[in-house]
Each structure stands twice: as C-alpha cells, then as structure tokens.
Amino acid sequence: MFAIRNEETALDIVQDAMMRLAEKYGDRPVTEWPMLFQRILQNAIRDSYRRSKVRSMWTTLLSSLTPNDDEDSDPLETIAADCESDGLATPHRQLERSQLLGVIEKEIEKLPPRQREAFLMRYWEEMDIAETATAMGCSEGSVKTHCSRATHTLAAALKAKGIEL
C-alpha cells in the first residue's frame, strides 16, 4: 500500500473518496458502505500516487531545462527563451537545450490528437482529471488512458533518442 506523506493531500483524497461514495453508492445499504469506501479510498490513493509519479517524472525533466526564478512560465517558452538569452550558459549547453526542446516538441506533435490534448492539459496546464475530462468531453477513465499512453509513448521516444528520464 502507498503512503501519503502530505497531510493536506491525504485529507483531499479522503474527502474525494467520501464524495464518490455518496455520489455513486448513496443508494446502497449502509452495511455495504465500509467495504465500498475502503475500495474507493484505495483506488484514490493509487491514482494520487500514479499522478504524482508521472508529474514528478515530467517536472524533473522540464525543471532541469528551466530556470527556477519564474514559476508561472510555460516550460517550452522558458527553455526557448533561456536558450537565446542565457549569458552564463556555454554555446554547447545552449545547443543541447535547443535540440532537446525541438525533440520534445516534435514527439508531442506526433502524439494522436486526444493523447496530446490530455497530456498537455494534465501536465502543462496542471488540470486535474475531472477538469480535463470536462474540457475534453470524455470520462475520467478516458483521460487517464490518454495520459498514460501519451506518457509511455513520449518516454519511449525520448529513450530511443538517448534521453533518459
């Protein structure tokens, strides 16, 4: 079982699980609620862990390419601007960043439209699953599937080009 170390995140997960129980299973007998809640909570914890793992992977990759002084910036724009204006960086490092930016952009463009849309909303726009599902007009499960496939495709494509995450 996964451990949630952040108290606020843990409380949010419990609250979301309780809301799901009430919304989807409120008409069930009260005696069934403890087992249903346990399962919903376990799934919510797993979802949170997976989401943080994937977000961490992409954040780590992108944060290694961007400066730490501007949290509201678009990673791709920041990388491009940094490549052009970083007086401390060597020309070789600027070239590497520029090439990596190009590789990432091209691989994102190659994704199927729905995968690209879900990936960008979730990891660039930092929308949650429900917001992304609403924006895309699909179920939360579809968003999870699109994001998972996009992430695996991008990771494999970058790894094939020698870029390790």
Protein backbone atom coordinates (compact mmCIF):
# COMPACT_ATOMS: atom_id res chain seq x y z
CA MET A 1 0.00 0.00 0.00
CA PHE A 2 1.17 3.53 -0.74
CA ALA A 3 1.70 6.12 1.97
CA ILE A 4 0.60 9.71 1.50
CA ARG A 5 3.08 11.84 3.40
CA ASN A 6 1.45 15.22 2.84
CA GLU A 7 -1.43 15.74 5.29
CA GLU A 8 -3.34 18.13 3.02
CA THR A 9 -3.13 15.70 0.11
CA ALA A 10 -4.26 12.84 2.35
CA LEU A 11 -7.27 14.86 3.56
CA ASP A 12 -8.15 15.78 -0.03
CA ILE A 13 -8.01 12.11 -1.06
CA VAL A 14 -10.26 11.05 1.84
CA GLN A 15 -12.71 13.85 1.06
CA ASP A 16 -12.81 12.92 -2.64
CA ALA A 17 -13.35 9.26 -1.72
CA MET A 18 -16.22 10.20 0.58
CA MET A 19 -17.80 12.31 -2.17
CA ARG A 20 -17.52 9.44 -4.65
CA LEU A 21 -19.12 7.08 -2.14
CA ALA A 22 -22.01 9.48 -1.56
CA GLU A 23 -22.48 10.26 -5.27
CA LYS A 24 -22.25 6.75 -6.67
CA TYR A 25 -23.29 4.47 -3.83
CA GLY A 26 -25.53 6.60 -1.59
CA ASP A 27 -28.50 4.42 -2.54
CA ARG A 28 -26.78 1.22 -1.35
CA PRO A 29 -27.48 -0.25 2.09
CA VAL A 30 -25.46 1.35 4.88
CA THR A 31 -23.89 -2.01 5.72
CA GLU A 32 -22.10 -2.01 2.32
CA TRP A 33 -20.56 1.44 2.78
CA PRO A 34 -17.43 0.47 4.77
CA MET A 35 -16.21 -2.02 2.16
CA LEU A 36 -17.13 0.29 -0.73
CA PHE A 37 -15.37 3.21 0.95
CA GLN A 38 -12.28 1.09 1.57
CA ARG A 39 -12.07 0.17 -2.12
CA ILE A 40 -12.75 3.73 -3.30
CA LEU A 41 -10.10 5.07 -0.92
CA GLN A 42 -7.52 2.51 -2.05
CA ASN A 43 -8.14 3.43 -5.69
CA ALA A 44 -7.94 7.15 -4.90
CA ILE A 45 -4.60 6.66 -3.15
CA ARG A 46 -3.26 4.66 -6.09
CA ASP A 47 -4.47 7.32 -8.52
CA SER A 48 -2.78 10.03 -6.46
CA TYR A 49 0.45 8.07 -6.29
CA ARG A 50 0.46 7.40 -10.05
CA ARG A 51 -0.37 11.01 -10.83
CA SER A 52 2.42 12.31 -8.60
CA LYS A 53 4.89 9.80 -10.04
CA VAL A 54 4.13 10.78 -13.64
CA ARG A 55 4.02 14.51 -12.82
CA SER A 56 7.31 14.17 -10.96
CA MET A 57 8.92 12.48 -13.94
CA TRP A 58 7.90 15.26 -16.34
CA THR A 59 8.54 18.02 -13.81
CA THR A 60 12.04 16.68 -13.22
CA LEU A 61 12.75 16.57 -16.92
CA LEU A 62 11.39 20.05 -17.56
CA SER A 63 12.79 21.64 -14.41
CA SER A 64 16.27 20.57 -15.42
CA LEU A 65 15.76 22.67 -18.51
CA THR A 66 14.18 25.78 -16.98
CA PRO A 67 15.36 28.42 -14.51
CA ASN A 68 13.87 28.35 -11.00
CA ASP A 69 13.01 32.04 -10.74
CA ASP A 70 9.66 32.04 -12.60
CA GLU A 71 7.07 29.50 -11.52
CA ASP A 72 4.30 30.76 -13.84
CA SER A 73 6.22 30.32 -17.07
CA ASP A 74 5.47 27.88 -19.84
CA PRO A 75 8.27 25.27 -19.81
CA LEU A 76 8.69 25.21 -23.58
CA GLU A 77 8.74 29.01 -23.88
CA THR A 78 11.11 29.28 -20.93
CA ILE A 79 13.51 26.76 -22.43
CA ALA A 80 13.48 28.59 -25.76
CA ALA A 81 14.00 31.99 -24.12
CA ASP A 82 16.70 30.59 -21.87
CA CYS A 83 18.49 29.10 -24.84
CA GLU A 84 18.54 32.51 -26.51
CA SER A 85 19.39 34.75 -23.55
CA ASP A 86 21.39 32.73 -21.01
CA GLY A 87 24.69 34.56 -20.93
CA LEU A 88 26.15 32.09 -18.39
CA ALA A 89 25.48 29.02 -20.47
CA THR A 90 28.05 27.79 -22.89
CA PRO A 91 27.18 27.65 -26.58
CA HIS A 92 27.32 23.87 -26.31
CA ARG A 93 24.76 23.84 -23.46
CA GLN A 94 22.53 26.26 -25.37
CA LEU A 95 22.64 23.99 -28.39
CA GLU A 96 21.80 20.93 -26.28
CA ARG A 97 18.81 22.67 -24.70
CA SER A 98 17.59 23.92 -28.05
CA GLN A 99 17.89 20.44 -29.56
CA LEU A 100 16.14 18.83 -26.60
CA LEU A 101 13.33 21.35 -26.84
CA GLY A 102 12.93 20.53 -30.51
CA VAL A 103 12.87 16.78 -29.81
CA ILE A 104 10.23 17.15 -27.08
CA GLU A 105 8.05 19.41 -29.24
CA LYS A 106 8.27 17.03 -32.22
CA GLU A 107 7.42 14.00 -30.10
CA ILE A 108 4.43 15.78 -28.56
CA GLU A 109 3.25 16.76 -32.05
CA LYS A 110 3.43 13.09 -33.12
CA LEU A 111 1.00 12.00 -30.42
CA PRO A 112 -2.56 11.25 -31.51
CA PRO A 113 -4.72 14.37 -31.00
CA ARG A 114 -6.64 13.12 -27.94
CA GLN A 115 -3.47 11.90 -26.22
CA ARG A 116 -1.71 15.18 -26.95
CA GLU A 117 -4.69 17.16 -25.68
CA ALA A 118 -4.95 15.14 -22.45
CA PHE A 119 -1.19 15.22 -21.86
CA LEU A 120 -0.90 18.99 -22.33
CA MET A 121 -3.92 19.74 -20.15
CA ARG A 122 -2.75 17.48 -17.34
CA TYR A 123 0.98 18.20 -17.29
CA TRP A 124 1.41 21.62 -18.87
CA GLU A 125 -1.81 23.24 -17.71
CA GLU A 126 -1.80 21.17 -14.46
CA MET A 127 -5.53 20.48 -14.69
CA ASP A 128 -6.86 17.62 -12.59
CA ILE A 129 -8.53 14.57 -14.10
CA ALA A 130 -12.08 15.86 -13.63
CA GLU A 131 -11.28 19.26 -15.19
CA THR A 132 -9.53 17.60 -18.12
CA ALA A 133 -12.42 15.19 -18.65
CA THR A 134 -14.90 18.06 -18.68
CA ALA A 135 -12.79 20.11 -21.08
CA MET A 136 -12.30 17.13 -23.41
CA GLY A 137 -15.91 15.97 -23.15
CA CYS A 138 -14.99 12.44 -22.08
CA SER A 139 -14.85 10.28 -18.96
CA GLU A 140 -12.16 10.48 -16.31
CA GLY A 141 -11.11 6.95 -17.27
CA SER A 142 -10.52 8.09 -20.85
CA VAL A 143 -8.35 10.95 -19.62
CA LYS A 144 -6.27 8.52 -17.53
CA THR A 145 -5.90 6.19 -20.51
CA HIS A 146 -4.91 9.00 -22.91
CA CYS A 147 -2.37 10.40 -20.42
CA SER A 148 -0.89 7.00 -19.68
CA ARG A 149 -0.49 6.18 -23.36
CA ALA A 150 0.97 9.61 -24.12
CA THR A 151 3.44 9.37 -21.27
CA HIS A 152 4.61 5.91 -22.26
CA THR A 153 4.90 6.91 -25.92
CA LEU A 154 6.88 10.07 -25.11
CA ALA A 155 9.15 8.28 -22.64
CA ALA A 156 9.88 5.52 -25.17
CA ALA A 157 10.52 8.02 -27.96
CA LEU A 158 12.87 10.10 -25.81
CA LYS A 159 14.66 7.00 -24.54
CA ALA A 160 15.12 5.78 -28.14
CA LYS A 161 16.84 9.10 -28.84
CA GLY A 162 19.14 8.64 -25.84
CA ILE A 163 17.28 10.96 -23.49
CA GLU A 164 16.87 9.30 -20.09
CA LEU A 165 14.18 10.50 -17.68
